[in-house]
Amino acid sequence: MKAAELNTLQQLLNDSGWRLRFNEELEREFQQDYARRYLAHMQIAGIMGLVLFMTCGLLDMIWMPEMAGRTWFIRLVAGVPMLGLLLLSFRRSISEHYLQLLTMIFFCLFAGGLIAISLNSLNPYNYYYYNAITVALVIFFVLSRVQFKWAILSAIIMWLSLNVGLIAFGPAINKLAIVIITNYVFIGSAGSALMGTFLIERSLRQNYLQSRMLSLENRDLEESNLTLQYLSAIDGLTQIANRRSLDRSLTIEWQRALRKREPLGFIMADIDHFKVFNDTYGHQAGDECLRVVASLLKDYARRPGDLAARYGGEEFALVLTDSSAEQAGIIAEQMRDKIMNVIIKYKKNSPTHVTASFGVASMVPGSGQASPEALILAADQAMYQAKRSGRNRVVIYGQPEDDQKEQNTQQEINRKTG
């Protein structure tokens, strides 16, 4: 999906750009981004236009005081709706969907007001107001960042308003010459401003495509990095943490337990007679056995900080936060019992059972010779003791031999009666 989108964006970027339009979905997203990015431009252009439109009335009081009342009335008639449109642009729900339309209406009112003022001004000030429309074009088309289609529509409305005003209400003397000259100035200014508007929008669209492509590429890169981090921390066969992730997690939890003065439990598990299982049922069945056992062990990593991991080969490990040796031993016994009772079947092989031997250790960081390495070694020694004692049992490191024998005897009874 992303590759197809990147290809589409690249094709649009390679296009000559004469067609200022994207496909429906991309165009909608572009317009939303455009409204967010250039709302301030349009509001600033509107504020400047409204300030100029109103403050020029001060010049009317100096140049032609006898007409100032009428021109000020025109300014108020056009200026109040302009102010209303400007205030509406500050409402996000409206500006996101109708900002271009509001801006076009705003500056059409601006131009219409100038035309009405020019028709009610004395000679030669009326000509100044006619030509002031070109200033409106520059402000509207360039500063406001209005889009090309709206600029064309606005130019047409302004041009029609200008000619209707000149022809219907303009001075009778030299009317034709005034209409021709005013149209010449307006069309020249509008053409230049429209060309600038087109080039600006084209550039903005290309910038949007480039930024969108860069965003997609960065997102792909982030996802690739996350995938690599995941793969570097997960054992590919069993889909639980690998040895590297186990070492890192154990170091972190050790430091946390050191600060809290809490015990950290560690369980080592080894599948009994796994080589025989592999030779009997095949390596693919052996892989399935590892996956099943890993899934069962993962269910016991229930608290934040707990971690089930593949230690290597057929050996697994479980980190248990805030867990004493007795508590970890109970969990190890539950896992041993669950593994013993699960049925493992791979394709056409006959259903079979496996067992595992467990070594349990727990230490409080900061006490004696305690260290993460010492914790692993203690659990490993307990696990090999379990194997030497007959396998399919749990041995807790440091537990008195009599207690251990009693526990082994109880485990044997449980197996026979289970």
Protein backbone atom coordinates (compact mmCIF):
# COMPACT_ATOMS: atom_id res chain seq x y z
CA MET A 1 0.00 0.00 0.00
CA LYS A 2 2.76 2.42 0.93
CA ALA A 3 4.77 1.49 -2.16
CA ALA A 4 1.75 2.25 -4.36
CA GLU A 5 1.21 5.58 -2.59
CA LEU A 6 4.87 6.48 -2.99
CA ASN A 7 4.69 5.67 -6.71
CA THR A 8 1.57 7.84 -7.08
CA LEU A 9 3.24 10.73 -5.26
CA GLN A 10 6.39 10.37 -7.36
CA GLN A 11 4.36 10.43 -10.59
CA LEU A 12 2.56 13.58 -9.46
CA LEU A 13 5.87 15.14 -8.50
CA ASN A 14 7.36 14.31 -11.91
CA ASP A 15 4.35 15.85 -13.63
CA SER A 16 4.81 19.24 -15.26
CA GLY A 17 2.35 20.65 -12.73
CA TRP A 18 0.01 22.49 -15.11
CA ARG A 19 -2.97 20.73 -13.58
CA LEU A 20 -3.35 21.99 -10.02
CA ARG A 21 -5.36 19.04 -8.81
CA PHE A 22 -4.72 15.70 -7.07
CA ASN A 23 -6.96 12.66 -6.77
CA GLU A 24 -9.97 13.06 -4.49
CA GLU A 25 -8.47 11.67 -1.28
CA LEU A 26 -5.08 13.34 -1.69
CA GLU A 27 -6.72 16.64 -2.66
CA ARG A 28 -8.89 16.59 0.47
CA GLU A 29 -5.85 15.98 2.69
CA PHE A 30 -3.90 18.68 0.84
CA GLN A 31 -6.69 21.21 1.37
CA GLN A 32 -6.81 20.40 5.10
CA ASP A 33 -3.04 20.80 5.36
CA TYR A 34 -3.21 23.99 3.28
CA ALA A 35 -5.84 25.49 5.58
CA ARG A 36 -3.75 24.74 8.66
CA ARG A 37 -0.50 26.04 7.19
CA TYR A 38 -1.72 29.24 5.54
CA LEU A 39 -4.60 30.34 7.74
CA ALA A 40 -2.31 32.95 9.31
CA HIS A 41 -1.30 34.27 5.86
CA MET A 42 -4.90 34.85 4.90
CA GLN A 43 -5.80 36.40 8.23
CA ILE A 44 -2.83 38.78 8.07
CA ALA A 45 -3.75 39.74 4.50
CA GLY A 46 -7.33 40.34 5.63
CA ILE A 47 -6.29 42.49 8.59
CA MET A 48 -3.99 44.56 6.37
CA GLY A 49 -6.70 44.99 3.76
CA LEU A 50 -9.31 46.04 6.30
CA VAL A 51 -6.93 48.49 8.02
CA LEU A 52 -5.93 50.11 4.71
CA PHE A 53 -9.54 50.22 3.54
CA MET A 54 -10.72 52.04 6.65
CA THR A 55 -7.74 54.29 7.38
CA CYS A 56 -7.71 55.73 3.88
CA GLY A 57 -10.93 57.42 4.91
CA LEU A 58 -8.78 59.82 6.91
CA LEU A 59 -7.31 61.02 3.61
CA ASP A 60 -10.83 61.66 2.29
CA MET A 61 -11.40 64.11 5.14
CA ILE A 62 -8.30 66.01 4.01
CA TRP A 63 -8.59 65.75 0.22
CA MET A 64 -12.36 66.07 -0.26
CA PRO A 65 -14.11 66.85 3.06
CA GLU A 66 -17.37 67.53 1.24
CA MET A 67 -17.47 63.86 0.09
CA ALA A 68 -16.03 62.28 3.24
CA GLY A 69 -19.43 61.47 4.76
CA ARG A 70 -20.54 59.54 1.71
CA THR A 71 -17.27 57.66 1.31
CA TRP A 72 -17.21 56.77 4.99
CA PHE A 73 -20.72 55.37 4.66
CA ILE A 74 -19.48 53.17 1.81
CA ARG A 75 -16.50 52.04 3.92
CA LEU A 76 -18.80 51.02 6.75
CA VAL A 77 -21.21 49.19 4.42
CA ALA A 78 -18.31 47.14 2.97
CA GLY A 79 -16.09 47.10 6.06
CA VAL A 80 -18.58 45.56 8.51
CA PRO A 81 -19.11 42.39 6.39
CA MET A 82 -15.33 42.26 5.85
CA LEU A 83 -14.78 42.32 9.60
CA GLY A 84 -17.42 39.61 10.05
CA LEU A 85 -15.70 37.37 7.50
CA LEU A 86 -12.36 37.99 9.18
CA LEU A 87 -13.80 36.97 12.57
CA LEU A 88 -15.33 33.84 11.04
CA SER A 89 -11.89 32.76 9.83
CA PHE A 90 -10.83 32.38 13.46
CA ARG A 91 -13.42 29.65 13.96
CA ARG A 92 -11.62 26.41 13.17
CA SER A 93 -14.69 24.49 12.02
CA ILE A 94 -15.36 27.16 9.39
CA SER A 95 -11.80 28.00 8.37
CA GLU A 96 -10.91 24.36 7.64
CA HIS A 97 -13.65 24.06 5.00
CA TYR A 98 -14.47 27.56 3.76
CA LEU A 99 -11.31 29.62 4.21
CA GLN A 100 -10.74 30.10 0.46
CA LEU A 101 -14.34 31.14 -0.10
CA LEU A 102 -14.27 33.56 2.84
CA THR A 103 -11.04 35.10 1.57
CA MET A 104 -12.43 35.54 -1.95
CA ILE A 105 -15.62 37.22 -0.68
CA PHE A 106 -13.54 39.43 1.63
CA PHE A 107 -11.41 40.87 -1.15
CA CYS A 108 -14.32 41.13 -3.59
CA LEU A 109 -15.97 43.34 -0.97
CA PHE A 110 -12.69 45.22 -0.72
CA ALA A 111 -12.60 45.81 -4.48
CA GLY A 112 -16.30 46.60 -4.65
CA GLY A 113 -15.91 49.16 -1.89
CA LEU A 114 -13.00 50.83 -3.72
CA ILE A 115 -15.02 50.98 -6.91
CA ALA A 116 -17.98 52.54 -5.09
CA ILE A 117 -15.68 55.07 -3.36
CA SER A 118 -14.00 55.98 -6.65
CA LEU A 119 -17.39 56.62 -8.26
CA ASN A 120 -18.25 58.96 -5.38
CA SER A 121 -14.92 60.80 -5.28
CA LEU A 122 -13.84 64.04 -6.85
CA ASN A 123 -11.44 64.35 -9.74
CA PRO A 124 -8.48 63.42 -9.67
CA TYR A 125 -8.86 61.31 -6.49
CA ASN A 126 -11.33 58.99 -8.17
CA TYR A 127 -8.53 57.78 -10.47
CA TYR A 128 -6.37 56.96 -7.45
CA TYR A 129 -9.08 54.69 -6.12
CA TYR A 130 -9.53 52.97 -9.48
CA ASN A 131 -5.85 52.12 -9.54
CA ALA A 132 -5.92 51.15 -5.85
CA ILE A 133 -7.69 47.98 -6.96
CA THR A 134 -4.34 46.77 -8.35
CA VAL A 135 -2.96 47.04 -4.81
CA ALA A 136 -5.85 44.87 -3.66
CA LEU A 137 -4.90 42.33 -6.31
CA VAL A 138 -1.31 42.14 -5.06
CA ILE A 139 -2.42 41.75 -1.42
CA PHE A 140 -5.12 39.26 -2.30
CA PHE A 141 -3.29 37.05 -4.77
CA VAL A 142 0.21 37.02 -3.32
CA LEU A 143 0.18 37.73 0.41
CA SER A 144 -2.96 35.76 1.25
CA ARG A 145 -1.77 32.52 -0.44
CA VAL A 146 -5.16 32.15 -2.08
CA GLN A 147 -5.34 29.25 -4.54
CA PHE A 148 -5.33 29.79 -8.28
CA LYS A 149 -8.94 28.81 -9.08
CA TRP A 150 -10.27 31.16 -6.39
CA ALA A 151 -7.96 33.92 -7.64
CA ILE A 152 -9.36 33.57 -11.18
CA LEU A 153 -12.93 33.69 -9.93
CA SER A 154 -12.15 36.73 -7.81
CA ALA A 155 -10.43 38.51 -10.70
CA ILE A 156 -13.47 37.94 -12.91
CA ILE A 157 -15.84 39.29 -10.24
CA MET A 158 -13.61 42.35 -9.67
CA TRP A 159 -13.26 42.97 -13.40
CA LEU A 160 -17.03 42.78 -13.97
CA SER A 161 -17.71 45.05 -10.99
CA LEU A 162 -15.16 47.57 -12.23
CA ASN A 163 -16.63 47.74 -15.73
CA VAL A 164 -20.23 47.86 -14.54
CA GLY A 165 -19.34 50.74 -12.24
CA LEU A 166 -17.38 52.66 -14.89
CA ILE A 167 -19.89 52.18 -17.67
CA ALA A 168 -23.05 52.71 -15.61
CA PHE A 169 -21.90 55.32 -13.10
CA GLY A 170 -18.56 56.61 -14.35
CA PRO A 171 -17.83 60.17 -15.54
CA ALA A 172 -19.47 61.11 -18.82
CA ILE A 173 -16.39 62.93 -20.11
CA ASN A 174 -13.80 60.68 -21.79
CA LYS A 175 -15.65 57.61 -20.52
CA LEU A 176 -14.33 55.33 -23.27
CA ALA A 177 -10.73 56.37 -22.68
CA ILE A 178 -11.11 55.91 -18.92
CA VAL A 179 -12.66 52.45 -19.39
CA ILE A 180 -9.89 51.35 -21.78
CA ILE A 181 -7.03 52.66 -19.62
CA THR A 182 -8.52 51.27 -16.40
CA ASN A 183 -9.09 47.86 -18.03
CA TYR A 184 -5.58 47.86 -19.41
CA VAL A 185 -4.09 48.51 -15.97
CA PHE A 186 -6.40 46.03 -14.28
CA ILE A 187 -5.87 43.20 -16.81
CA GLY A 188 -2.10 43.71 -16.74
CA SER A 189 -1.99 43.69 -12.95
CA ALA A 190 -4.41 40.77 -12.66
CA GLY A 191 -2.49 38.74 -15.24
CA SER A 192 0.80 39.24 -13.42
CA ALA A 193 -0.77 38.52 -10.04
CA LEU A 194 -2.52 35.40 -11.36
CA MET A 195 0.73 34.09 -12.83
CA GLY A 196 2.39 34.60 -9.45
CA THR A 197 -0.52 32.87 -7.72
CA PHE A 198 -0.27 29.91 -10.09
CA LEU A 199 3.47 29.51 -9.56
CA ILE A 200 3.12 29.83 -5.79
CA GLU A 201 0.39 27.18 -5.63
CA ARG A 202 2.34 24.88 -7.94
CA SER A 203 5.38 25.22 -5.70
CA LEU A 204 3.30 24.63 -2.56
CA ARG A 205 1.76 21.49 -4.06
CA GLN A 206 5.17 20.13 -4.99
CA ASN A 207 6.45 20.90 -1.49
CA TYR A 208 3.45 19.06 -0.06
CA LEU A 209 4.15 16.01 -2.22
CA GLN A 210 7.81 16.02 -1.22
CA SER A 211 7.02 16.37 2.50
CA ARG A 212 4.42 13.60 2.25
CA MET A 213 6.90 11.31 0.50
CA LEU A 214 9.51 12.10 3.12
CA SER A 215 6.99 11.40 5.88
CA LEU A 216 6.13 8.01 4.34
CA GLU A 217 9.80 7.13 3.90
CA ASN A 218 10.54 8.13 7.50
CA ARG A 219 7.59 6.07 8.69
CA ASP A 220 8.86 3.07 6.71
CA LEU A 221 12.30 3.60 8.23
CA GLU A 222 10.87 3.78 11.75
CA GLU A 223 8.83 0.62 11.17
CA SER A 224 11.92 -1.13 9.79
CA ASN A 225 13.91 -0.06 12.84
CA LEU A 226 11.15 -1.31 15.15
CA THR A 227 11.06 -4.60 13.24
CA LEU A 228 14.83 -4.95 13.54
CA GLN A 229 14.64 -4.18 17.25
CA TYR A 230 11.90 -6.77 17.62
CA LEU A 231 13.84 -9.38 15.66
CA SER A 232 16.99 -8.66 17.65
CA ALA A 233 15.09 -9.22 20.92
CA ILE A 234 12.91 -12.19 19.94
CA ASP A 235 13.90 -15.79 19.31
CA GLY A 236 12.79 -16.57 15.77
CA LEU A 237 11.65 -20.14 16.46
CA THR A 238 9.76 -19.78 19.74
CA GLN A 239 8.70 -16.12 19.46
CA ILE A 240 9.72 -15.36 23.04
CA ALA A 241 12.66 -13.28 24.22
CA ASN A 242 16.13 -14.42 23.18
CA ARG A 243 19.30 -14.62 25.27
CA ARG A 244 20.33 -11.07 24.42
CA SER A 245 16.97 -9.68 25.50
CA LEU A 246 17.08 -11.82 28.65
CA ASP A 247 20.47 -10.43 29.68
CA ARG A 248 19.32 -6.86 29.11
CA SER A 249 16.04 -7.35 30.97
CA LEU A 250 17.73 -9.13 33.87
CA THR A 251 20.19 -6.24 34.27
CA ILE A 252 17.34 -3.70 34.32
CA GLU A 253 15.25 -5.67 36.81
CA TRP A 254 18.31 -6.27 38.99
CA GLN A 255 18.88 -2.52 39.29
CA ARG A 256 15.20 -1.95 40.04
CA ALA A 257 15.22 -4.67 42.71
CA LEU A 258 18.39 -3.14 44.15
CA ARG A 259 16.63 0.21 44.61
CA LYS A 260 13.54 -1.39 46.14
CA ARG A 261 15.46 -4.00 48.14
CA GLU A 262 13.23 -6.71 46.69
CA PRO A 263 14.15 -10.32 45.84
CA LEU A 264 14.51 -11.28 42.20
CA GLY A 265 13.55 -14.81 41.21
CA PHE A 266 15.03 -16.79 38.34
CA ILE A 267 13.93 -20.16 36.92
CA MET A 268 15.94 -22.31 34.53
CA ALA A 269 14.12 -25.08 32.66
CA ASP A 270 15.51 -27.84 30.45
CA ILE A 271 13.40 -30.24 28.38
CA ASP A 272 14.23 -33.79 29.43
CA HIS A 273 15.71 -36.19 26.84
CA PHE A 274 15.22 -33.64 24.08
CA LYS A 275 17.91 -35.20 21.86
CA VAL A 276 16.08 -38.51 21.99
CA PHE A 277 12.81 -36.70 21.13
CA ASN A 278 14.52 -35.05 18.15
CA ASP A 279 16.05 -38.30 16.91
CA THR A 280 12.75 -40.17 17.30
CA TYR A 281 10.29 -37.70 15.81
CA GLY A 282 12.54 -35.49 13.68
CA HIS A 283 13.82 -31.94 13.92
CA GLN A 284 10.55 -30.36 12.81
CA ALA A 285 8.72 -32.13 15.61
CA GLY A 286 11.50 -30.97 17.94
CA ASP A 287 10.92 -27.39 16.82
CA GLU A 288 7.20 -27.78 17.49
CA CYS A 289 8.02 -29.11 20.97
CA LEU A 290 10.16 -26.03 21.68
CA ARG A 291 7.36 -23.73 20.51
CA VAL A 292 4.78 -25.45 22.71
CA VAL A 293 6.99 -25.33 25.81
CA ALA A 294 7.89 -21.67 25.14
CA SER A 295 4.19 -20.77 24.85
CA LEU A 296 3.44 -22.45 28.17
CA LEU A 297 6.30 -20.69 29.94
CA LYS A 298 5.27 -17.32 28.49
CA ASP A 299 1.90 -17.61 30.24
CA TYR A 300 3.68 -17.32 33.61
CA ALA A 301 5.37 -14.00 32.84
CA ARG A 302 2.35 -12.16 34.18
CA ARG A 303 3.66 -9.08 35.97
CA PRO A 304 5.47 -6.05 34.57
CA GLY A 305 9.16 -6.94 34.53
CA ASP A 306 8.59 -10.70 34.30
CA LEU A 307 10.15 -12.24 31.22
CA ALA A 308 10.14 -15.67 29.60
CA ALA A 309 13.11 -16.32 27.33
CA ARG A 310 14.87 -19.02 25.39
CA TYR A 311 18.24 -19.42 27.07
CA GLY A 312 19.71 -21.65 24.37
CA GLY A 313 18.95 -24.99 22.71
CA GLU A 314 16.24 -26.69 24.78
CA GLU A 315 16.85 -24.49 27.83
CA PHE A 316 14.48 -21.74 28.89
CA ALA A 317 14.54 -19.07 31.59
CA LEU A 318 11.94 -17.06 33.47
CA VAL A 319 12.67 -13.81 35.34
CA LEU A 320 10.26 -13.16 38.23
CA THR A 321 10.20 -9.73 39.88
CA ASP A 322 9.72 -9.43 43.66
CA SER A 323 9.74 -13.21 44.04
CA SER A 324 11.33 -15.29 46.80
CA ALA A 325 12.77 -18.75 46.17
CA GLU A 326 9.64 -20.37 47.63
CA GLN A 327 7.32 -18.28 45.45
CA ALA A 328 9.40 -18.98 42.35
CA GLY A 329 9.43 -22.68 43.28
CA ILE A 330 5.63 -22.78 43.34
CA ILE A 331 5.49 -21.25 39.86
CA ALA A 332 8.15 -23.67 38.61
CA GLU A 333 6.12 -26.61 39.94
CA GLN A 334 3.02 -25.29 38.15
CA MET A 335 4.97 -25.03 34.91
CA ARG A 336 6.45 -28.50 35.34
CA ASP A 337 3.01 -29.98 35.87
CA LYS A 338 1.52 -28.16 32.90
CA ILE A 339 4.32 -29.23 30.55
CA MET A 340 4.05 -32.85 31.70
CA ASN A 341 0.32 -32.93 30.96
CA VAL A 342 0.35 -31.25 27.58
CA ILE A 343 0.08 -33.42 24.48
CA ILE A 344 2.51 -32.61 21.68
CA LYS A 345 1.62 -33.76 18.17
CA TYR A 346 3.31 -32.78 14.95
CA LYS A 347 1.66 -33.66 11.65
CA LYS A 348 1.49 -37.48 11.32
CA ASN A 349 3.55 -38.22 14.40
CA SER A 350 1.76 -39.97 17.24
CA PRO A 351 0.81 -37.77 20.22
CA THR A 352 3.46 -37.74 22.92
CA HIS A 353 4.37 -36.05 26.20
CA VAL A 354 7.55 -34.34 27.33
CA THR A 355 8.84 -33.34 30.74
CA ALA A 356 11.22 -30.64 31.96
CA SER A 357 13.60 -30.17 34.86
CA PHE A 358 13.60 -26.88 36.72
CA GLY A 359 16.19 -25.01 38.76
CA VAL A 360 15.03 -22.12 40.93
CA ALA A 361 17.04 -19.34 42.59
CA SER A 362 16.26 -16.01 44.18
CA MET A 363 18.52 -13.25 45.44
CA VAL A 364 18.21 -9.80 46.95
CA PRO A 365 20.55 -7.47 45.02
CA GLY A 366 23.18 -5.83 47.17
CA SER A 367 23.47 -8.66 49.65
CA GLY A 368 26.75 -10.65 49.84
CA GLN A 369 28.09 -11.83 46.49
CA ALA A 370 24.74 -11.36 44.74
CA SER A 371 24.88 -10.44 41.06
CA PRO A 372 22.87 -11.25 37.91
CA GLU A 373 25.54 -13.75 36.86
CA ALA A 374 25.47 -15.39 40.31
CA LEU A 375 21.68 -15.65 40.11
CA ILE A 376 21.83 -17.39 36.72
CA LEU A 377 24.59 -19.74 37.93
CA ALA A 378 22.61 -20.68 41.03
CA ALA A 379 19.49 -21.52 39.00
CA ASP A 380 21.61 -23.43 36.48
CA GLN A 381 23.22 -25.52 39.24
CA ALA A 382 19.81 -26.26 40.74
CA MET A 383 18.52 -27.34 37.33
CA TYR A 384 21.40 -29.80 36.81
CA GLN A 385 20.78 -31.14 40.28
CA ALA A 386 17.17 -31.76 39.25
CA LYS A 387 18.40 -33.68 36.22
CA ARG A 388 20.80 -35.76 38.27
CA SER A 389 18.01 -36.49 40.76
CA GLY A 390 15.87 -38.15 38.12
CA ARG A 391 14.52 -35.27 35.94
CA ASN A 392 10.96 -33.93 35.76
CA ARG A 393 11.30 -32.16 39.06
CA VAL A 394 11.95 -28.75 40.63
CA VAL A 395 15.06 -28.02 42.68
CA ILE A 396 15.46 -24.78 44.64
CA TYR A 397 19.02 -23.58 45.03
CA GLY A 398 20.19 -23.51 48.63
CA GLN A 399 17.32 -25.61 49.94
CA PRO A 400 18.46 -28.18 52.61
CA GLU A 401 19.00 -31.65 51.19
CA ASP A 402 16.38 -33.24 53.47
CA ASP A 403 13.79 -30.69 52.39
CA GLN A 404 14.74 -31.28 48.80
CA LYS A 405 14.34 -35.05 49.14
CA GLU A 406 10.97 -34.55 50.78
CA GLN A 407 9.92 -32.25 47.97
CA ASN A 408 11.10 -34.75 45.34
CA THR A 409 9.18 -37.51 47.06
CA GLN A 410 6.04 -35.36 47.09
CA GLN A 411 6.52 -34.62 43.39
CA GLU A 412 6.76 -38.35 42.64
CA ILE A 413 3.56 -38.96 44.58
CA ASN A 414 1.84 -36.15 42.70
CA ARG A 415 2.91 -37.58 39.37
CA LYS A 416 1.64 -41.05 40.20
CA THR A 417 -1.63 -39.87 41.61
CA GLY A 418 -2.08 -37.09 39.05
